[in-house]
Amino acid sequence: MSNLFIAIEGIDGCGKTTVTKKLAERLKGICFKTPSGFLANFRKYFENAPALIRFAYFITATIISSFEIRKLLKNDHVICDRYIYSTWIYHIVYGLRFLQNIPLDKILPISKPHITFLLIVNEEERKKRISERKTTRKDRDSETLALVQEKYCSFDNLVKINTVNFSADQVVNEILTYL
């Protein structure tokens, strides 16, 4: 069996990072976060940039991450915390509507995940999780995140898992039933 490339997608507070780490542990794989490497150091400069500039940064980071992932897959499973759907969907919501007309799965020179999971959360649970974090990163507004989650849900090829009332370990167990 070849190594698996699994992407975990969803809005802030849905459990992506925790589930990605736990799934990587269970599969004895590599937990990979995008943007990665040296590009991760520049995220703070692009996070609040105009949408097109922000998109250019994130799409470049995803393409470069794809090459890194391809190398890692030779020896290990790779479980990725955010990948192409995050870049695409957030930027559609941020105003780059032209992306809706581009076939995401056909045009980019990137490695394709074997399976992509979308973790879904309601607003109340999301806010609770964000408040429990030990980070100073500003939470995005609820209205934008609701639009992002709605857009994610419009993609039929994502395996959707509702994380409300489930521990990260329970979500990982659910993911493992698909593998």
N, C-alpha and C. Protein backbone atom coordinates (compact mmCIF):
# COMPACT_ATOMS: atom_id res chain seq x y z
N MET A 1 0.85 -1.18 0.00
CA MET A 1 0.00 0.00 0.00
C MET A 1 0.89 1.24 0.00
N SER A 2 0.57 2.18 -0.86
CA SER A 2 1.36 3.41 -0.89
C SER A 2 0.96 4.32 0.26
N ASN A 3 1.80 5.28 0.53
CA ASN A 3 1.53 6.22 1.61
C ASN A 3 0.37 7.14 1.25
N LEU A 4 -0.40 7.50 2.26
CA LEU A 4 -1.58 8.33 2.07
C LEU A 4 -1.26 9.80 2.24
N PHE A 5 -1.88 10.62 1.41
CA PHE A 5 -1.86 12.07 1.56
C PHE A 5 -3.29 12.46 1.93
N ILE A 6 -3.47 12.93 3.17
CA ILE A 6 -4.78 13.28 3.69
C ILE A 6 -4.78 14.77 4.02
N ALA A 7 -5.77 15.48 3.54
CA ALA A 7 -5.91 16.91 3.87
C ALA A 7 -7.08 17.08 4.83
N ILE A 8 -6.87 17.95 5.81
CA ILE A 8 -7.92 18.29 6.78
C ILE A 8 -8.25 19.76 6.57
N GLU A 9 -9.48 20.05 6.24
CA GLU A 9 -9.92 21.42 5.96
C GLU A 9 -11.02 21.84 6.93
N GLY A 10 -11.27 23.14 6.98
CA GLY A 10 -12.35 23.67 7.79
C GLY A 10 -12.01 25.05 8.31
N ILE A 11 -13.00 25.69 8.91
CA ILE A 11 -12.81 27.04 9.43
C ILE A 11 -12.05 27.02 10.75
N ASP A 12 -11.58 28.19 11.15
CA ASP A 12 -10.89 28.32 12.42
C ASP A 12 -11.79 27.84 13.55
N GLY A 13 -11.24 26.99 14.42
CA GLY A 13 -12.00 26.50 15.56
C GLY A 13 -12.73 25.20 15.34
N CYS A 14 -12.60 24.60 14.15
CA CYS A 14 -13.31 23.34 13.88
C CYS A 14 -12.56 22.13 14.41
N GLY A 15 -11.29 22.30 14.75
CA GLY A 15 -10.51 21.19 15.28
C GLY A 15 -9.43 20.67 14.33
N LYS A 16 -9.17 21.38 13.24
CA LYS A 16 -8.21 20.93 12.24
C LYS A 16 -6.84 20.57 12.79
N THR A 17 -6.25 21.49 13.51
CA THR A 17 -4.88 21.29 13.96
C THR A 17 -4.78 20.13 14.95
N THR A 18 -5.69 20.08 15.89
CA THR A 18 -5.69 19.00 16.88
C THR A 18 -5.91 17.66 16.20
N VAL A 19 -6.90 17.58 15.32
CA VAL A 19 -7.20 16.33 14.62
C VAL A 19 -6.05 15.94 13.70
N THR A 20 -5.46 16.89 13.01
CA THR A 20 -4.32 16.59 12.13
C THR A 20 -3.18 15.97 12.92
N LYS A 21 -2.85 16.56 14.07
CA LYS A 21 -1.76 16.02 14.90
C LYS A 21 -2.09 14.62 15.40
N LYS A 22 -3.29 14.43 15.90
CA LYS A 22 -3.68 13.12 16.44
C LYS A 22 -3.75 12.05 15.34
N LEU A 23 -4.25 12.43 14.18
CA LEU A 23 -4.32 11.48 13.06
C LEU A 23 -2.91 11.09 12.61
N ALA A 24 -2.02 12.06 12.54
CA ALA A 24 -0.63 11.77 12.16
C ALA A 24 0.00 10.80 13.17
N GLU A 25 -0.27 11.01 14.45
CA GLU A 25 0.25 10.09 15.48
C GLU A 25 -0.31 8.69 15.27
N ARG A 26 -1.61 8.59 15.05
CA ARG A 26 -2.25 7.27 14.90
C ARG A 26 -1.74 6.53 13.67
N LEU A 27 -1.50 7.27 12.59
CA LEU A 27 -1.03 6.65 11.35
C LEU A 27 0.49 6.56 11.28
N LYS A 28 1.15 7.09 12.31
CA LYS A 28 2.61 7.17 12.32
C LYS A 28 3.11 7.89 11.06
N GLY A 29 2.42 8.99 10.76
CA GLY A 29 2.74 9.80 9.60
C GLY A 29 3.27 11.16 10.00
N ILE A 30 3.39 12.01 9.03
CA ILE A 30 3.92 13.36 9.24
C ILE A 30 2.76 14.35 9.28
N CYS A 31 2.77 15.18 10.31
CA CYS A 31 1.81 16.28 10.43
C CYS A 31 2.41 17.46 9.67
N PHE A 32 1.72 17.92 8.65
CA PHE A 32 2.23 18.98 7.78
C PHE A 32 1.26 20.15 7.81
N LYS A 33 1.77 21.34 7.98
CA LYS A 33 0.92 22.54 8.05
C LYS A 33 1.30 23.49 6.93
N THR A 34 0.30 24.03 6.26
CA THR A 34 0.58 25.03 5.22
C THR A 34 0.14 26.40 5.73
N PRO A 35 0.86 27.46 5.32
CA PRO A 35 2.11 27.44 4.58
C PRO A 35 3.23 26.85 5.44
N SER A 36 4.21 26.27 4.76
CA SER A 36 5.28 25.58 5.46
C SER A 36 6.63 26.23 5.17
N GLY A 37 7.64 25.68 5.82
CA GLY A 37 9.00 26.11 5.56
C GLY A 37 9.21 27.60 5.72
N PHE A 38 10.09 28.12 4.88
CA PHE A 38 10.43 29.54 4.98
C PHE A 38 9.24 30.45 4.70
N LEU A 39 8.29 30.00 3.90
CA LEU A 39 7.13 30.85 3.58
C LEU A 39 6.23 31.09 4.79
N ALA A 40 6.24 30.18 5.74
CA ALA A 40 5.43 30.36 6.95
C ALA A 40 5.85 31.62 7.70
N ASN A 41 7.12 31.98 7.60
CA ASN A 41 7.63 33.17 8.29
C ASN A 41 7.05 34.47 7.74
N PHE A 42 6.50 34.43 6.53
CA PHE A 42 6.00 35.63 5.89
C PHE A 42 4.48 35.78 6.01
N ARG A 43 3.83 34.79 6.58
CA ARG A 43 2.36 34.81 6.68
C ARG A 43 1.84 36.10 7.30
N LYS A 44 2.47 36.56 8.38
CA LYS A 44 1.98 37.75 9.08
C LYS A 44 1.96 38.99 8.18
N TYR A 45 2.82 39.02 7.16
CA TYR A 45 2.86 40.17 6.26
C TYR A 45 1.74 40.14 5.23
N PHE A 46 1.21 38.94 4.97
CA PHE A 46 0.19 38.80 3.93
C PHE A 46 -1.22 38.57 4.49
N GLU A 47 -1.32 38.25 5.74
CA GLU A 47 -2.60 37.90 6.35
C GLU A 47 -3.67 38.98 6.14
N ASN A 48 -3.28 40.25 6.21
CA ASN A 48 -4.26 41.34 6.05
C ASN A 48 -4.05 42.14 4.78
N ALA A 49 -3.33 41.57 3.82
CA ALA A 49 -3.09 42.24 2.54
C ALA A 49 -4.37 42.22 1.70
N PRO A 50 -4.42 43.04 0.64
CA PRO A 50 -5.56 42.96 -0.28
C PRO A 50 -5.71 41.53 -0.81
N ALA A 51 -6.93 41.14 -1.12
CA ALA A 51 -7.26 39.75 -1.44
C ALA A 51 -6.37 39.15 -2.53
N LEU A 52 -6.11 39.88 -3.61
CA LEU A 52 -5.33 39.31 -4.70
C LEU A 52 -3.87 39.05 -4.29
N ILE A 53 -3.31 39.95 -3.52
CA ILE A 53 -1.93 39.77 -3.03
C ILE A 53 -1.90 38.62 -2.03
N ARG A 54 -2.86 38.59 -1.16
CA ARG A 54 -2.96 37.51 -0.17
C ARG A 54 -3.09 36.16 -0.88
N PHE A 55 -3.94 36.12 -1.91
CA PHE A 55 -4.14 34.89 -2.68
C PHE A 55 -2.83 34.45 -3.34
N ALA A 56 -2.10 35.40 -3.93
CA ALA A 56 -0.83 35.06 -4.59
C ALA A 56 0.13 34.41 -3.60
N TYR A 57 0.19 34.94 -2.39
CA TYR A 57 1.05 34.36 -1.36
C TYR A 57 0.60 32.94 -1.02
N PHE A 58 -0.68 32.75 -0.72
CA PHE A 58 -1.16 31.45 -0.28
C PHE A 58 -1.12 30.41 -1.39
N ILE A 59 -1.39 30.79 -2.63
CA ILE A 59 -1.35 29.81 -3.72
C ILE A 59 0.10 29.39 -3.98
N THR A 60 1.02 30.35 -3.89
CA THR A 60 2.45 30.02 -4.03
C THR A 60 2.88 29.08 -2.92
N ALA A 61 2.46 29.37 -1.69
CA ALA A 61 2.81 28.52 -0.56
C ALA A 61 2.25 27.11 -0.74
N THR A 62 1.06 26.99 -1.28
CA THR A 62 0.45 25.68 -1.49
C THR A 62 1.20 24.90 -2.56
N ILE A 63 1.57 25.57 -3.64
CA ILE A 63 2.32 24.89 -4.70
C ILE A 63 3.67 24.40 -4.18
N ILE A 64 4.38 25.24 -3.44
CA ILE A 64 5.67 24.83 -2.87
C ILE A 64 5.47 23.70 -1.86
N SER A 65 4.44 23.80 -1.03
CA SER A 65 4.14 22.73 -0.08
C SER A 65 3.87 21.41 -0.80
N SER A 66 3.23 21.49 -1.96
CA SER A 66 2.93 20.30 -2.73
C SER A 66 4.20 19.53 -3.09
N PHE A 67 5.24 20.25 -3.47
CA PHE A 67 6.51 19.59 -3.80
C PHE A 67 7.13 18.95 -2.55
N GLU A 68 7.03 19.64 -1.42
CA GLU A 68 7.54 19.09 -0.16
C GLU A 68 6.76 17.82 0.20
N ILE A 69 5.45 17.87 0.06
CA ILE A 69 4.59 16.72 0.38
C ILE A 69 4.94 15.53 -0.51
N ARG A 70 5.14 15.80 -1.79
CA ARG A 70 5.48 14.72 -2.73
C ARG A 70 6.74 13.97 -2.27
N LYS A 71 7.73 14.71 -1.80
CA LYS A 71 8.96 14.07 -1.30
C LYS A 71 8.68 13.26 -0.05
N LEU A 72 7.90 13.83 0.87
CA LEU A 72 7.61 13.15 2.13
C LEU A 72 6.83 11.85 1.92
N LEU A 73 5.97 11.84 0.90
CA LEU A 73 5.13 10.67 0.63
C LEU A 73 5.93 9.44 0.21
N LYS A 74 7.16 9.63 -0.18
CA LYS A 74 8.00 8.49 -0.56
C LYS A 74 8.25 7.57 0.64
N ASN A 75 8.24 8.15 1.85
CA ASN A 75 8.55 7.36 3.05
C ASN A 75 7.47 7.35 4.12
N ASP A 76 6.51 8.27 4.05
CA ASP A 76 5.55 8.42 5.15
C ASP A 76 4.18 8.84 4.63
N HIS A 77 3.18 8.58 5.49
CA HIS A 77 1.87 9.19 5.27
C HIS A 77 2.02 10.68 5.59
N VAL A 78 1.26 11.52 4.91
CA VAL A 78 1.27 12.96 5.19
C VAL A 78 -0.16 13.39 5.48
N ILE A 79 -0.33 14.01 6.65
CA ILE A 79 -1.62 14.54 7.05
C ILE A 79 -1.47 16.05 7.11
N CYS A 80 -2.18 16.75 6.27
CA CYS A 80 -1.97 18.18 6.04
C CYS A 80 -3.07 19.03 6.68
N ASP A 81 -2.65 19.95 7.51
CA ASP A 81 -3.53 20.93 8.16
C ASP A 81 -3.71 22.08 7.19
N ARG A 82 -4.81 22.10 6.49
CA ARG A 82 -5.16 23.03 5.41
C ARG A 82 -4.35 22.72 4.15
N TYR A 83 -5.03 22.86 3.02
CA TYR A 83 -4.35 22.67 1.75
C TYR A 83 -5.01 23.59 0.74
N ILE A 84 -5.31 23.10 -0.42
CA ILE A 84 -5.76 23.99 -1.51
C ILE A 84 -7.17 24.54 -1.27
N TYR A 85 -8.06 23.78 -0.67
CA TYR A 85 -9.42 24.28 -0.49
C TYR A 85 -9.46 25.52 0.40
N SER A 86 -8.63 25.56 1.41
CA SER A 86 -8.59 26.75 2.27
C SER A 86 -8.20 27.98 1.47
N THR A 87 -7.16 27.84 0.68
CA THR A 87 -6.72 28.97 -0.14
C THR A 87 -7.83 29.41 -1.09
N TRP A 88 -8.42 28.45 -1.75
CA TRP A 88 -9.44 28.75 -2.77
C TRP A 88 -10.69 29.37 -2.14
N ILE A 89 -11.23 28.72 -1.15
CA ILE A 89 -12.52 29.12 -0.58
C ILE A 89 -12.44 30.44 0.17
N TYR A 90 -11.44 30.59 1.02
CA TYR A 90 -11.31 31.86 1.75
C TYR A 90 -11.22 33.02 0.77
N HIS A 91 -10.50 32.84 -0.32
CA HIS A 91 -10.32 33.96 -1.25
C HIS A 91 -11.55 34.23 -2.11
N ILE A 92 -12.35 33.23 -2.36
CA ILE A 92 -13.64 33.48 -3.01
C ILE A 92 -14.48 34.36 -2.09
N VAL A 93 -14.54 33.99 -0.81
CA VAL A 93 -15.32 34.77 0.16
C VAL A 93 -14.73 36.17 0.33
N TYR A 94 -13.41 36.30 0.23
CA TYR A 94 -12.76 37.61 0.36
C TYR A 94 -12.90 38.48 -0.90
N GLY A 95 -13.61 37.98 -1.92
CA GLY A 95 -13.92 38.82 -3.06
C GLY A 95 -13.37 38.38 -4.40
N LEU A 96 -12.58 37.34 -4.46
CA LEU A 96 -12.03 36.88 -5.74
C LEU A 96 -12.99 35.87 -6.37
N ARG A 97 -14.15 36.39 -6.76
CA ARG A 97 -15.24 35.54 -7.25
C ARG A 97 -14.88 34.77 -8.53
N PHE A 98 -13.91 35.28 -9.31
CA PHE A 98 -13.51 34.60 -10.54
C PHE A 98 -13.02 33.17 -10.27
N LEU A 99 -12.56 32.91 -9.05
CA LEU A 99 -12.07 31.57 -8.71
C LEU A 99 -13.18 30.52 -8.78
N GLN A 100 -14.43 30.96 -8.61
CA GLN A 100 -15.56 30.02 -8.67
C GLN A 100 -15.68 29.35 -10.03
N ASN A 101 -15.17 30.02 -11.08
CA ASN A 101 -15.30 29.52 -12.44
C ASN A 101 -14.09 28.73 -12.92
N ILE A 102 -13.13 28.52 -12.04
CA ILE A 102 -11.92 27.80 -12.41
C ILE A 102 -11.99 26.40 -11.80
N PRO A 103 -11.81 25.37 -12.62
CA PRO A 103 -11.89 24.00 -12.09
C PRO A 103 -10.67 23.68 -11.21
N LEU A 104 -10.87 23.78 -9.94
CA LEU A 104 -9.81 23.63 -8.94
C LEU A 104 -8.99 22.36 -9.12
N ASP A 105 -9.62 21.26 -9.43
CA ASP A 105 -8.93 19.98 -9.48
C ASP A 105 -8.16 19.72 -10.77
N LYS A 106 -8.19 20.65 -11.72
CA LYS A 106 -7.57 20.38 -13.00
C LYS A 106 -6.43 21.33 -13.38
N ILE A 107 -6.31 22.46 -12.75
CA ILE A 107 -5.39 23.46 -13.28
C ILE A 107 -4.09 23.66 -12.53
N LEU A 108 -4.04 23.24 -11.29
CA LEU A 108 -2.86 23.55 -10.49
C LEU A 108 -1.84 22.42 -10.50
N PRO A 109 -0.56 22.79 -10.56
CA PRO A 109 0.50 21.77 -10.55
C PRO A 109 0.80 21.29 -9.13
N ILE A 110 -0.19 20.71 -8.49
CA ILE A 110 -0.01 20.29 -7.10
C ILE A 110 -0.36 18.82 -6.94
N SER A 111 0.20 18.22 -5.90
CA SER A 111 -0.17 16.86 -5.53
C SER A 111 -1.61 16.88 -5.03
N LYS A 112 -2.36 15.90 -5.42
CA LYS A 112 -3.76 15.82 -4.98
C LYS A 112 -3.85 14.88 -3.79
N PRO A 113 -4.55 15.30 -2.74
CA PRO A 113 -4.76 14.39 -1.61
C PRO A 113 -5.53 13.15 -2.04
N HIS A 114 -5.26 12.04 -1.38
CA HIS A 114 -6.05 10.84 -1.62
C HIS A 114 -7.47 11.06 -1.13
N ILE A 115 -7.59 11.82 -0.03
CA ILE A 115 -8.90 12.13 0.53
C ILE A 115 -8.78 13.43 1.33
N THR A 116 -9.83 14.23 1.25
CA THR A 116 -9.88 15.49 2.00
C THR A 116 -11.10 15.47 2.90
N PHE A 117 -10.85 15.75 4.18
CA PHE A 117 -11.92 15.81 5.17
C PHE A 117 -12.22 17.25 5.51
N LEU A 118 -13.50 17.57 5.57
CA LEU A 118 -13.97 18.89 5.99
C LEU A 118 -14.55 18.74 7.38
N LEU A 119 -13.93 19.40 8.36
CA LEU A 119 -14.45 19.38 9.72
C LEU A 119 -15.41 20.55 9.87
N ILE A 120 -16.61 20.25 10.33
CA ILE A 120 -17.67 21.24 10.45
C ILE A 120 -17.95 21.51 11.92
N VAL A 121 -18.23 22.76 12.23
CA VAL A 121 -18.49 23.17 13.61
C VAL A 121 -19.57 24.25 13.60
N ASN A 122 -20.38 24.31 14.65
CA ASN A 122 -21.34 25.41 14.73
C ASN A 122 -20.69 26.62 15.41
N GLU A 123 -21.34 27.74 15.36
CA GLU A 123 -20.76 29.00 15.86
C GLU A 123 -20.49 28.96 17.36
N GLU A 124 -21.41 28.42 18.11
CA GLU A 124 -21.24 28.38 19.57
C GLU A 124 -20.00 27.56 19.96
N GLU A 125 -19.88 26.39 19.39
CA GLU A 125 -18.74 25.53 19.70
C GLU A 125 -17.44 26.15 19.20
N ARG A 126 -17.47 26.75 18.02
CA ARG A 126 -16.28 27.39 17.46
C ARG A 126 -15.76 28.48 18.39
N LYS A 127 -16.66 29.33 18.85
CA LYS A 127 -16.26 30.42 19.75
C LYS A 127 -15.69 29.87 21.06
N LYS A 128 -16.30 28.82 21.56
CA LYS A 128 -15.81 28.20 22.80
C LYS A 128 -14.37 27.70 22.59
N ARG A 129 -14.14 27.01 21.50
CA ARG A 129 -12.81 26.48 21.22
C ARG A 129 -11.78 27.60 21.03
N ILE A 130 -12.16 28.64 20.33
CA ILE A 130 -11.24 29.76 20.10
C ILE A 130 -10.88 30.42 21.44
N SER A 131 -11.86 30.56 22.33
CA SER A 131 -11.61 31.22 23.61
C SER A 131 -10.67 30.41 24.50
N GLU A 132 -10.61 29.11 24.27
CA GLU A 132 -9.75 28.24 25.07
C GLU A 132 -8.31 28.17 24.56
N ARG A 133 -8.05 28.77 23.42
CA ARG A 133 -6.70 28.74 22.84
C ARG A 133 -5.74 29.62 23.62
N LYS A 134 -4.49 29.23 23.54
CA LYS A 134 -3.43 30.03 24.18
C LYS A 134 -2.71 30.85 23.12
N THR A 135 -3.45 31.51 22.29
CA THR A 135 -2.87 32.29 21.21
C THR A 135 -3.40 33.71 21.23
N THR A 136 -2.65 34.60 20.69
CA THR A 136 -3.09 35.99 20.62
C THR A 136 -3.63 36.33 19.24
N ARG A 137 -3.63 35.34 18.33
CA ARG A 137 -4.12 35.57 16.98
C ARG A 137 -5.59 35.97 17.00
N LYS A 138 -5.91 37.01 16.28
CA LYS A 138 -7.27 37.54 16.25
C LYS A 138 -8.23 36.56 15.56
N ASP A 139 -9.37 36.37 16.16
CA ASP A 139 -10.40 35.52 15.58
C ASP A 139 -11.08 36.27 14.44
N ARG A 140 -11.38 35.56 13.37
CA ARG A 140 -12.09 36.17 12.24
C ARG A 140 -13.56 36.35 12.63
N ASP A 141 -14.22 37.26 11.93
CA ASP A 141 -15.61 37.51 12.28
C ASP A 141 -16.50 36.33 11.89
N SER A 142 -17.53 36.14 12.68
CA SER A 142 -18.42 34.99 12.56
C SER A 142 -19.14 34.95 11.22
N GLU A 143 -19.53 36.09 10.71
CA GLU A 143 -20.25 36.13 9.44
C GLU A 143 -19.39 35.62 8.30
N THR A 144 -18.13 36.05 8.25
CA THR A 144 -17.21 35.60 7.20
C THR A 144 -16.99 34.09 7.32
N LEU A 145 -16.77 33.62 8.54
CA LEU A 145 -16.52 32.20 8.72
C LEU A 145 -17.74 31.35 8.37
N ALA A 146 -18.93 31.86 8.62
CA ALA A 146 -20.15 31.14 8.23
C ALA A 146 -20.21 31.01 6.70
N LEU A 147 -19.84 32.07 5.99
CA LEU A 147 -19.81 32.02 4.52
C LEU A 147 -18.75 31.03 4.02
N VAL A 148 -17.60 31.04 4.68
CA VAL A 148 -16.52 30.12 4.30
C VAL A 148 -16.99 28.68 4.50
N GLN A 149 -17.57 28.38 5.64
CA GLN A 149 -18.04 27.02 5.90
C GLN A 149 -19.11 26.60 4.90
N GLU A 150 -20.01 27.52 4.58
CA GLU A 150 -21.05 27.24 3.59
C GLU A 150 -20.44 26.90 2.24
N LYS A 151 -19.42 27.67 1.84
CA LYS A 151 -18.75 27.43 0.56
C LYS A 151 -18.03 26.08 0.57
N TYR A 152 -17.35 25.77 1.68
CA TYR A 152 -16.72 24.46 1.81
C TYR A 152 -17.74 23.35 1.58
N CYS A 153 -18.90 23.49 2.21
CA CYS A 153 -19.93 22.45 2.14
C CYS A 153 -20.48 22.26 0.74
N SER A 154 -20.28 23.23 -0.14
CA SER A 154 -20.78 23.12 -1.51
C SER A 154 -19.92 22.18 -2.36
N PHE A 155 -18.74 21.79 -1.87
CA PHE A 155 -17.88 20.87 -2.61
C PHE A 155 -18.25 19.43 -2.24
N ASP A 156 -18.74 18.69 -3.22
CA ASP A 156 -19.22 17.33 -2.99
C ASP A 156 -18.11 16.33 -2.69
N ASN A 157 -16.88 16.62 -3.13
CA ASN A 157 -15.80 15.65 -2.99
C ASN A 157 -15.09 15.71 -1.64
N LEU A 158 -15.55 16.56 -0.74
CA LEU A 158 -14.98 16.61 0.60
C LEU A 158 -15.80 15.71 1.53
N VAL A 159 -15.12 14.91 2.34
CA VAL A 159 -15.82 14.07 3.31
C VAL A 159 -16.09 14.95 4.53
N LYS A 160 -17.37 15.18 4.79
CA LYS A 160 -17.77 16.11 5.84
C LYS A 160 -17.97 15.39 7.17
N ILE A 161 -17.36 15.96 8.22
CA ILE A 161 -17.50 15.38 9.56
C ILE A 161 -17.85 16.51 10.52
N ASN A 162 -19.02 16.39 11.16
CA ASN A 162 -19.44 17.37 12.15
C ASN A 162 -18.69 17.09 13.45
N THR A 163 -17.94 18.08 13.94
CA THR A 163 -17.10 17.88 15.12
C THR A 163 -17.76 18.32 16.42
N VAL A 164 -18.97 18.86 16.35
CA VAL A 164 -19.66 19.34 17.54
C VAL A 164 -19.99 18.13 18.43
N ASN A 165 -19.71 18.28 19.71
CA ASN A 165 -19.98 17.24 20.72
C ASN A 165 -19.12 15.99 20.55
N PHE A 166 -18.01 16.11 19.81
CA PHE A 166 -17.10 14.98 19.66
C PHE A 166 -15.70 15.43 20.05
N SER A 167 -15.00 14.56 20.75
CA SER A 167 -13.61 14.85 21.08
C SER A 167 -12.77 14.68 19.82
N ALA A 168 -11.57 15.20 19.86
CA ALA A 168 -10.66 15.05 18.72
C ALA A 168 -10.40 13.56 18.45
N ASP A 169 -10.28 12.77 19.51
CA ASP A 169 -10.05 11.34 19.32
C ASP A 169 -11.23 10.66 18.62
N GLN A 170 -12.44 11.09 18.95
CA GLN A 170 -13.62 10.53 18.29
C GLN A 170 -13.65 10.93 16.81
N VAL A 171 -13.25 12.15 16.50
CA VAL A 171 -13.20 12.60 15.10
C VAL A 171 -12.15 11.78 14.35
N VAL A 172 -10.99 11.56 14.97
CA VAL A 172 -9.95 10.74 14.34
C VAL A 172 -10.48 9.33 14.07
N ASN A 173 -11.18 8.75 15.04
CA ASN A 173 -11.76 7.42 14.84
C ASN A 173 -12.72 7.41 13.66
N GLU A 174 -13.51 8.46 13.53
CA GLU A 174 -14.44 8.56 12.39
C GLU A 174 -13.66 8.64 11.07
N ILE A 175 -12.62 9.45 11.04
CA ILE A 175 -11.79 9.57 9.83
C ILE A 175 -11.21 8.21 9.45
N LEU A 176 -10.74 7.47 10.44
CA LEU A 176 -10.11 6.18 10.17
C LEU A 176 -11.08 5.18 9.53
N THR A 177 -12.38 5.37 9.74
CA THR A 177 -13.35 4.46 9.10
C THR A 177 -13.39 4.66 7.59
N TYR A 178 -12.92 5.81 7.10
CA TYR A 178 -12.90 6.10 5.67
C TYR A 178 -11.63 5.62 4.97
N LEU A 179 -10.63 5.27 5.75
CA LEU A 179 -9.32 4.93 5.16
C LEU A 179 -9.16 3.44 4.93
